[in-house]
PDB file of all heavy atoms in Angstrom:
ATOM      1  N   GLY A   1     -29.997 -19.817  49.561  1.00  0.00           N
ATOM      2  CA  GLY A   1     -29.698 -20.934  50.487  1.00  0.00           C
ATOM      3  C   GLY A   1     -29.469 -22.232  49.858  1.00  0.00           C
ATOM      4  O   GLY A   1     -29.475 -23.279  50.493  1.00  0.00           O
ATOM      5  N   ASN A   2     -29.146 -22.241  48.551  1.00  0.00           N
ATOM      6  CA  ASN A   2     -28.968 -23.495  47.772  1.00  0.00           C
ATOM      7  C   ASN A   2     -27.503 -23.713  47.356  1.00  0.00           C
ATOM      8  O   ASN A   2     -26.708 -22.697  47.349  1.00  0.00           O
ATOM      9  CB  ASN A   2     -29.799 -23.516  46.529  1.00  0.00           C
ATOM     10  CG  ASN A   2     -31.293 -23.355  46.823  1.00  0.00           C
ATOM     11  OD1 ASN A   2     -31.778 -23.827  47.862  1.00  0.00           O
ATOM     12  ND2 ASN A   2     -31.999 -22.649  45.923  1.00  0.00           N
ATOM     13  N   ILE A   3     -27.176 -24.934  47.098  1.00  0.00           N
ATOM     14  CA  ILE A   3     -25.920 -25.257  46.418  1.00  0.00           C
ATOM     15  C   ILE A   3     -26.257 -25.969  45.125  1.00  0.00           C
ATOM     16  O   ILE A   3     -27.278 -26.639  45.014  1.00  0.00           O
ATOM     17  CB  ILE A   3     -24.990 -26.142  47.293  1.00  0.00           C
ATOM     18  CG1 ILE A   3     -25.697 -27.465  47.628  1.00  0.00           C
ATOM     19  CG2 ILE A   3     -24.566 -25.405  48.566  1.00  0.00           C
ATOM     20  CD1 ILE A   3     -24.750 -28.433  48.375  1.00  0.00           C
ATOM     21  N   GLU A   4     -25.374 -25.838  44.145  1.00  0.00           N
ATOM     22  CA  GLU A   4     -25.539 -26.544  42.887  1.00  0.00           C
ATOM     23  C   GLU A   4     -24.580 -27.658  42.880  1.00  0.00           C
ATOM     24  O   GLU A   4     -23.358 -27.488  42.806  1.00  0.00           O
ATOM     25  CB  GLU A   4     -25.306 -25.556  41.713  1.00  0.00           C
ATOM     26  CG  GLU A   4     -26.317 -24.434  41.582  1.00  0.00           C
ATOM     27  CD  GLU A   4     -27.712 -24.967  41.320  1.00  0.00           C
ATOM     28  OE1 GLU A   4     -27.860 -26.028  40.674  1.00  0.00           O
ATOM     29  OE2 GLU A   4     -28.685 -24.306  41.785  1.00  0.00           O
ATOM     30  N   TYR A   5     -25.133 -28.907  42.912  1.00  0.00           N
ATOM     31  CA  TYR A   5     -24.266 -30.064  43.016  1.00  0.00           C
ATOM     32  C   TYR A   5     -24.152 -30.734  41.657  1.00  0.00           C
ATOM     33  O   TYR A   5     -25.179 -30.971  40.975  1.00  0.00           O
ATOM     34  CB  TYR A   5     -24.863 -31.028  44.034  1.00  0.00           C
ATOM     35  CG  TYR A   5     -23.783 -31.903  44.680  1.00  0.00           C
ATOM     36  CD1 TYR A   5     -23.336 -31.580  45.958  1.00  0.00           C
ATOM     37  CD2 TYR A   5     -23.206 -32.973  44.020  1.00  0.00           C
ATOM     38  CE1 TYR A   5     -22.335 -32.347  46.571  1.00  0.00           C
ATOM     39  CE2 TYR A   5     -22.236 -33.723  44.613  1.00  0.00           C
ATOM     40  CZ  TYR A   5     -21.756 -33.390  45.852  1.00  0.00           C
ATOM     41  OH  TYR A   5     -20.778 -34.152  46.482  1.00  0.00           O
ATOM     42  N   PRO A   6     -22.939 -31.059  41.234  1.00  0.00           N
ATOM     43  CA  PRO A   6     -22.746 -31.696  39.914  1.00  0.00           C
ATOM     44  C   PRO A   6     -23.518 -33.019  39.815  1.00  0.00           C
ATOM     45  O   PRO A   6     -23.420 -33.882  40.727  1.00  0.00           O
ATOM     46  CB  PRO A   6     -21.240 -31.919  39.804  1.00  0.00           C
ATOM     47  CG  PRO A   6     -20.746 -31.856  41.211  1.00  0.00           C
ATOM     48  CD  PRO A   6     -21.653 -30.900  41.906  1.00  0.00           C
ATOM     49  N   ARG A   7     -24.341 -33.134  38.764  1.00  0.00           N
ATOM     50  CA  ARG A   7     -25.080 -34.318  38.460  1.00  0.00           C
ATOM     51  C   ARG A   7     -26.267 -34.598  39.440  1.00  0.00           C
ATOM     52  O   ARG A   7     -27.060 -35.474  39.210  1.00  0.00           O
ATOM     53  CB  ARG A   7     -24.215 -35.600  38.417  1.00  0.00           C
ATOM     54  CG  ARG A   7     -23.224 -35.538  37.257  1.00  0.00           C
ATOM     55  CD  ARG A   7     -22.192 -36.656  37.259  1.00  0.00           C
ATOM     56  NE  ARG A   7     -21.436 -36.578  36.059  1.00  0.00           N
ATOM     57  CZ  ARG A   7     -20.394 -35.758  35.901  1.00  0.00           C
ATOM     58  NH1 ARG A   7     -20.065 -34.902  36.880  1.00  0.00           N
ATOM     59  NH2 ARG A   7     -19.725 -35.730  34.764  1.00  0.00           N
ATOM     60  N   LEU A   8     -26.368 -33.847  40.496  1.00  0.00           N
ATOM     61  CA  LEU A   8     -27.475 -33.995  41.413  1.00  0.00           C
ATOM     62  C   LEU A   8     -28.423 -32.793  41.372  1.00  0.00           C
ATOM     63  O   LEU A   8     -29.562 -32.867  41.844  1.00  0.00           O
ATOM     64  CB  LEU A   8     -26.973 -34.169  42.865  1.00  0.00           C
ATOM     65  CG  LEU A   8     -26.120 -35.428  43.104  1.00  0.00           C
ATOM     66  CD1 LEU A   8     -25.739 -35.533  44.569  1.00  0.00           C
ATOM     67  CD2 LEU A   8     -26.811 -36.684  42.683  1.00  0.00           C
ATOM     68  N   GLY A   9     -27.955 -31.685  40.844  1.00  0.00           N
ATOM     69  CA  GLY A   9     -28.803 -30.474  40.706  1.00  0.00           C
ATOM     70  C   GLY A   9     -28.788 -29.605  41.959  1.00  0.00           C
ATOM     71  O   GLY A   9     -27.879 -29.627  42.743  1.00  0.00           O
ATOM     72  N   THR A  10     -29.911 -28.859  42.086  1.00  0.00           N
ATOM     73  CA  THR A  10     -30.014 -27.888  43.228  1.00  0.00           C
ATOM     74  C   THR A  10     -30.409 -28.549  44.530  1.00  0.00           C
ATOM     75  O   THR A  10     -31.335 -29.347  44.542  1.00  0.00           O
ATOM     76  CB  THR A  10     -31.048 -26.799  42.849  1.00  0.00           C
ATOM     77  OG1 THR A  10     -30.647 -26.146  41.663  1.00  0.00           O
ATOM     78  CG2 THR A  10     -31.155 -25.803  43.973  1.00  0.00           C
ATOM     79  N   ILE A  11     -29.685 -28.259  45.572  1.00  0.00           N
ATOM     80  CA  ILE A  11     -29.962 -28.867  46.896  1.00  0.00           C
ATOM     81  C   ILE A  11     -30.071 -27.670  47.872  1.00  0.00           C
ATOM     82  O   ILE A  11     -29.147 -26.824  47.962  1.00  0.00           O
ATOM     83  CB  ILE A  11     -28.896 -29.840  47.361  1.00  0.00           C
ATOM     84  CG1 ILE A  11     -28.797 -30.991  46.353  1.00  0.00           C
ATOM     85  CG2 ILE A  11     -29.195 -30.365  48.733  1.00  0.00           C
ATOM     86  CD1 ILE A  11     -27.684 -31.929  46.679  1.00  0.00           C
ATOM     87  N   HIS A  12     -31.174 -27.613  48.650  1.00  0.00           N
ATOM     88  CA  HIS A  12     -31.324 -26.550  49.653  1.00  0.00           C
ATOM     89  C   HIS A  12     -30.501 -26.900  50.854  1.00  0.00           C
ATOM     90  O   HIS A  12     -30.642 -27.967  51.452  1.00  0.00           O
ATOM     91  CB  HIS A  12     -32.765 -26.367  50.007  1.00  0.00           C
ATOM     92  CG  HIS A  12     -32.990 -25.126  50.855  1.00  0.00           C
ATOM     93  ND1 HIS A  12     -32.946 -23.862  50.346  1.00  0.00           N
ATOM     94  CD2 HIS A  12     -33.217 -25.005  52.217  1.00  0.00           C
ATOM     95  CE1 HIS A  12     -33.155 -23.025  51.315  1.00  0.00           C
ATOM     96  NE2 HIS A  12     -33.338 -23.641  52.440  1.00  0.00           N
ATOM     97  N   ALA A  13     -29.576 -26.004  51.253  1.00  0.00           N
ATOM     98  CA  ALA A  13     -28.668 -26.241  52.349  1.00  0.00           C
ATOM     99  C   ALA A  13     -28.889 -25.339  53.576  1.00  0.00           C
ATOM    100  O   ALA A  13     -28.534 -25.766  54.709  1.00  0.00           O
ATOM    101  CB  ALA A  13     -27.213 -26.114  51.865  1.00  0.00           C
ATOM    102  N   GLU A  14     -29.417 -24.162  53.369  1.00  0.00           N
ATOM    103  CA  GLU A  14     -29.556 -23.223  54.491  1.00  0.00           C
ATOM    104  C   GLU A  14     -30.463 -23.786  55.620  1.00  0.00           C
ATOM    105  O   GLU A  14     -31.501 -24.372  55.331  1.00  0.00           O
ATOM    106  CB  GLU A  14     -30.159 -21.885  54.005  1.00  0.00           C
ATOM    107  CG  GLU A  14     -30.245 -20.828  55.088  1.00  0.00           C
ATOM    108  CD  GLU A  14     -30.980 -19.586  54.625  1.00  0.00           C
ATOM    109  OE1 GLU A  14     -31.655 -19.666  53.541  1.00  0.00           O
ATOM    110  OE2 GLU A  14     -30.889 -18.533  55.285  1.00  0.00           O
ATOM    111  N   GLY A  15     -30.016 -23.603  56.794  1.00  0.00           N
ATOM    112  CA  GLY A  15     -30.771 -24.066  57.981  1.00  0.00           C
ATOM    113  C   GLY A  15     -30.515 -25.507  58.365  1.00  0.00           C
ATOM    114  O   GLY A  15     -31.020 -25.964  59.414  1.00  0.00           O
ATOM    115  N   LEU A  16     -29.767 -26.242  57.563  1.00  0.00           N
ATOM    116  CA  LEU A  16     -29.454 -27.608  57.856  1.00  0.00           C
ATOM    117  C   LEU A  16     -28.109 -27.710  58.560  1.00  0.00           C
ATOM    118  O   LEU A  16     -27.273 -26.876  58.415  1.00  0.00           O
ATOM    119  CB  LEU A  16     -29.413 -28.456  56.562  1.00  0.00           C
ATOM    120  CG  LEU A  16     -30.626 -28.520  55.645  1.00  0.00           C
ATOM    121  CD1 LEU A  16     -30.338 -29.350  54.454  1.00  0.00           C
ATOM    122  CD2 LEU A  16     -31.867 -29.066  56.449  1.00  0.00           C
ATOM    123  N   THR A  17     -27.918 -28.783  59.328  1.00  0.00           N
ATOM    124  CA  THR A  17     -26.657 -29.051  59.887  1.00  0.00           C
ATOM    125  C   THR A  17     -25.826 -29.845  58.877  1.00  0.00           C
ATOM    126  O   THR A  17     -26.361 -30.297  57.809  1.00  0.00           O
ATOM    127  CB  THR A  17     -26.736 -29.921  61.170  1.00  0.00           C
ATOM    128  OG1 THR A  17     -27.329 -31.186  60.844  1.00  0.00           O
ATOM    129  CG2 THR A  17     -27.644 -29.206  62.179  1.00  0.00           C
ATOM    130  N   LYS A  18     -24.541 -29.982  59.105  1.00  0.00           N
ATOM    131  CA  LYS A  18     -23.723 -30.797  58.173  1.00  0.00           C
ATOM    132  C   LYS A  18     -24.241 -32.193  58.046  1.00  0.00           C
ATOM    133  O   LYS A  18     -24.311 -32.743  56.935  1.00  0.00           O
ATOM    134  CB  LYS A  18     -22.261 -30.801  58.648  1.00  0.00           C
ATOM    135  CG  LYS A  18     -21.542 -29.444  58.629  1.00  0.00           C
ATOM    136  CD  LYS A  18     -20.092 -29.631  58.950  1.00  0.00           C
ATOM    137  CE  LYS A  18     -19.905 -30.375  60.288  1.00  0.00           C
ATOM    138  NZ  LYS A  18     -18.461 -30.617  60.573  1.00  0.00           N
ATOM    139  N   HIS A  19     -24.664 -32.803  59.163  1.00  0.00           N
ATOM    140  CA  HIS A  19     -25.160 -34.114  59.135  1.00  0.00           C
ATOM    141  C   HIS A  19     -26.435 -34.227  58.316  1.00  0.00           C
ATOM    142  O   HIS A  19     -26.565 -35.158  57.497  1.00  0.00           O
ATOM    143  CB  HIS A  19     -25.424 -34.593  60.558  1.00  0.00           C
ATOM    144  CG  HIS A  19     -26.087 -35.957  60.632  1.00  0.00           C
ATOM    145  ND1 HIS A  19     -25.415 -37.153  60.421  1.00  0.00           N
ATOM    146  CD2 HIS A  19     -27.417 -36.317  60.892  1.00  0.00           C
ATOM    147  CE1 HIS A  19     -26.237 -38.170  60.550  1.00  0.00           C
ATOM    148  NE2 HIS A  19     -27.454 -37.700  60.829  1.00  0.00           N
ATOM    149  N   GLU A  20     -27.319 -33.249  58.462  1.00  0.00           N
ATOM    150  CA  GLU A  20     -28.603 -33.277  57.681  1.00  0.00           C
ATOM    151  C   GLU A  20     -28.370 -33.124  56.177  1.00  0.00           C
ATOM    152  O   GLU A  20     -28.980 -33.788  55.359  1.00  0.00           O
ATOM    153  CB  GLU A  20     -29.551 -32.200  58.212  1.00  0.00           C
ATOM    154  CG  GLU A  20     -30.029 -32.495  59.616  1.00  0.00           C
ATOM    155  CD  GLU A  20     -30.741 -31.255  60.256  1.00  0.00           C
ATOM    156  OE1 GLU A  20     -30.534 -30.129  59.777  1.00  0.00           O
ATOM    157  OE2 GLU A  20     -31.498 -31.449  61.249  1.00  0.00           O
ATOM    158  N   LEU A  21     -27.436 -32.200  55.814  1.00  0.00           N
ATOM    159  CA  LEU A  21     -27.153 -32.035  54.412  1.00  0.00           C
ATOM    160  C   LEU A  21     -26.448 -33.259  53.824  1.00  0.00           C
ATOM    161  O   LEU A  21     -26.784 -33.674  52.708  1.00  0.00           O
ATOM    162  CB  LEU A  21     -26.262 -30.804  54.230  1.00  0.00           C
ATOM    163  CG  LEU A  21     -25.817 -30.529  52.774  1.00  0.00           C
ATOM    164  CD1 LEU A  21     -27.016 -30.341  51.857  1.00  0.00           C
ATOM    165  CD2 LEU A  21     -24.930 -29.324  52.714  1.00  0.00           C
ATOM    166  N   ALA A  22     -25.580 -33.871  54.608  1.00  0.00           N
ATOM    167  CA  ALA A  22     -24.873 -35.085  54.153  1.00  0.00           C
ATOM    168  C   ALA A  22     -25.892 -36.184  53.911  1.00  0.00           C
ATOM    169  O   ALA A  22     -25.792 -36.969  52.932  1.00  0.00           O
ATOM    170  CB  ALA A  22     -23.838 -35.481  55.173  1.00  0.00           C
ATOM    171  N   GLU A  23     -26.920 -36.286  54.761  1.00  0.00           N
ATOM    172  CA  GLU A  23     -27.940 -37.307  54.589  1.00  0.00           C
ATOM    173  C   GLU A  23     -28.770 -37.074  53.327  1.00  0.00           C
ATOM    174  O   GLU A  23     -29.081 -38.020  52.601  1.00  0.00           O
ATOM    175  CB  GLU A  23     -28.846 -37.353  55.807  1.00  0.00           C
ATOM    176  CG  GLU A  23     -29.901 -38.467  55.817  1.00  0.00           C
ATOM    177  CD  GLU A  23     -29.223 -39.846  55.813  1.00  0.00           C
ATOM    178  OE1 GLU A  23     -28.057 -40.010  56.151  1.00  0.00           O
ATOM    179  OE2 GLU A  23     -29.947 -40.813  55.387  1.00  0.00           O
ATOM    180  N   GLN A  24     -29.079 -35.785  53.049  1.00  0.00           N
ATOM    181  CA  GLN A  24     -29.839 -35.483  51.810  1.00  0.00           C
ATOM    182  C   GLN A  24     -29.001 -35.875  50.552  1.00  0.00           C
ATOM    183  O   GLN A  24     -29.555 -36.457  49.583  1.00  0.00           O
ATOM    184  CB  GLN A  24     -30.148 -33.984  51.760  1.00  0.00           C
ATOM    185  CG  GLN A  24     -31.330 -33.578  52.587  1.00  0.00           C
ATOM    186  CD  GLN A  24     -31.929 -32.226  52.092  1.00  0.00           C
ATOM    187  OE1 GLN A  24     -31.673 -31.819  50.956  1.00  0.00           O
ATOM    188  NE2 GLN A  24     -32.688 -31.611  52.939  1.00  0.00           N
ATOM    189  N   ILE A  25     -27.720 -35.550  50.571  1.00  0.00           N
ATOM    190  CA  ILE A  25     -26.879 -35.906  49.422  1.00  0.00           C
ATOM    191  C   ILE A  25     -26.756 -37.394  49.264  1.00  0.00           C
ATOM    192  O   ILE A  25     -26.828 -37.926  48.148  1.00  0.00           O
ATOM    193  CB  ILE A  25     -25.507 -35.239  49.544  1.00  0.00           C
ATOM    194  CG1 ILE A  25     -25.646 -33.708  49.538  1.00  0.00           C
ATOM    195  CG2 ILE A  25     -24.551 -35.698  48.473  1.00  0.00           C
ATOM    196  CD1 ILE A  25     -24.383 -32.950  49.853  1.00  0.00           C
ATOM    197  N   ARG A  26     -26.647 -38.070  50.379  1.00  0.00           N
ATOM    198  CA  ARG A  26     -26.509 -39.553  50.337  1.00  0.00           C
ATOM    199  C   ARG A  26     -27.733 -40.175  49.747  1.00  0.00           C
ATOM    200  O   ARG A  26     -27.649 -41.115  48.924  1.00  0.00           O
ATOM    201  CB  ARG A  26     -26.195 -40.102  51.770  1.00  0.00           C
ATOM    202  CG  ARG A  26     -25.793 -41.543  51.773  1.00  0.00           C
ATOM    203  CD  ARG A  26     -25.816 -42.085  53.187  1.00  0.00           C
ATOM    204  NE  ARG A  26     -27.144 -42.209  53.680  1.00  0.00           N
ATOM    205  CZ  ARG A  26     -28.008 -43.177  53.355  1.00  0.00           C
ATOM    206  NH1 ARG A  26     -27.591 -44.146  52.499  1.00  0.00           N
ATOM    207  NH2 ARG A  26     -29.243 -43.233  53.828  1.00  0.00           N
ATOM    208  N   LYS A  27     -28.918 -39.668  50.116  1.00  0.00           N
ATOM    209  CA  LYS A  27     -30.175 -40.196  49.560  1.00  0.00           C
ATOM    210  C   LYS A  27     -30.246 -39.970  48.063  1.00  0.00           C
ATOM    211  O   LYS A  27     -30.732 -40.856  47.292  1.00  0.00           O
ATOM    212  CB  LYS A  27     -31.382 -39.573  50.251  1.00  0.00           C
ATOM    213  CG  LYS A  27     -31.611 -40.099  51.684  1.00  0.00           C
ATOM    214  CD  LYS A  27     -32.841 -39.516  52.297  1.00  0.00           C
ATOM    215  CE  LYS A  27     -33.162 -40.094  53.655  1.00  0.00           C
ATOM    216  NZ  LYS A  27     -34.363 -39.537  54.271  1.00  0.00           N
ATOM    217  N   LYS A  28     -29.806 -38.770  47.628  1.00  0.00           N
ATOM    218  CA  LYS A  28     -29.879 -38.465  46.177  1.00  0.00           C
ATOM    219  C   LYS A  28     -28.903 -39.393  45.375  1.00  0.00           C
ATOM    220  O   LYS A  28     -29.129 -39.649  44.203  1.00  0.00           O
ATOM    221  CB  LYS A  28     -29.512 -36.994  45.914  1.00  0.00           C
ATOM    222  CG  LYS A  28     -30.653 -36.052  46.258  1.00  0.00           C
ATOM    223  CD  LYS A  28     -30.199 -34.625  45.979  1.00  0.00           C
ATOM    224  CE  LYS A  28     -31.395 -33.662  46.227  1.00  0.00           C
ATOM    225  NZ  LYS A  28     -32.486 -33.816  45.203  1.00  0.00           N
ATOM    226  N   LEU A  29     -27.877 -39.866  46.068  1.00  0.00           N
ATOM    227  CA  LEU A  29     -26.906 -40.755  45.420  1.00  0.00           C
ATOM    228  C   LEU A  29     -27.361 -42.204  45.353  1.00  0.00           C
ATOM    229  O   LEU A  29     -26.809 -43.016  44.662  1.00  0.00           O
ATOM    230  CB  LEU A  29     -25.557 -40.663  46.092  1.00  0.00           C
ATOM    231  CG  LEU A  29     -24.771 -39.350  45.947  1.00  0.00           C
ATOM    232  CD1 LEU A  29     -23.623 -39.287  46.926  1.00  0.00           C
ATOM    233  CD2 LEU A  29     -24.314 -39.145  44.516  1.00  0.00           C
TER     234      LEU A  29
END
């Protein structure tokens, strides 16, 4: 259920909506 994001590492995506995943990525940035 994970994605490997360049320079941000492993992010769990399964079970999230697009909006929720986008918010997680934005916080990591």
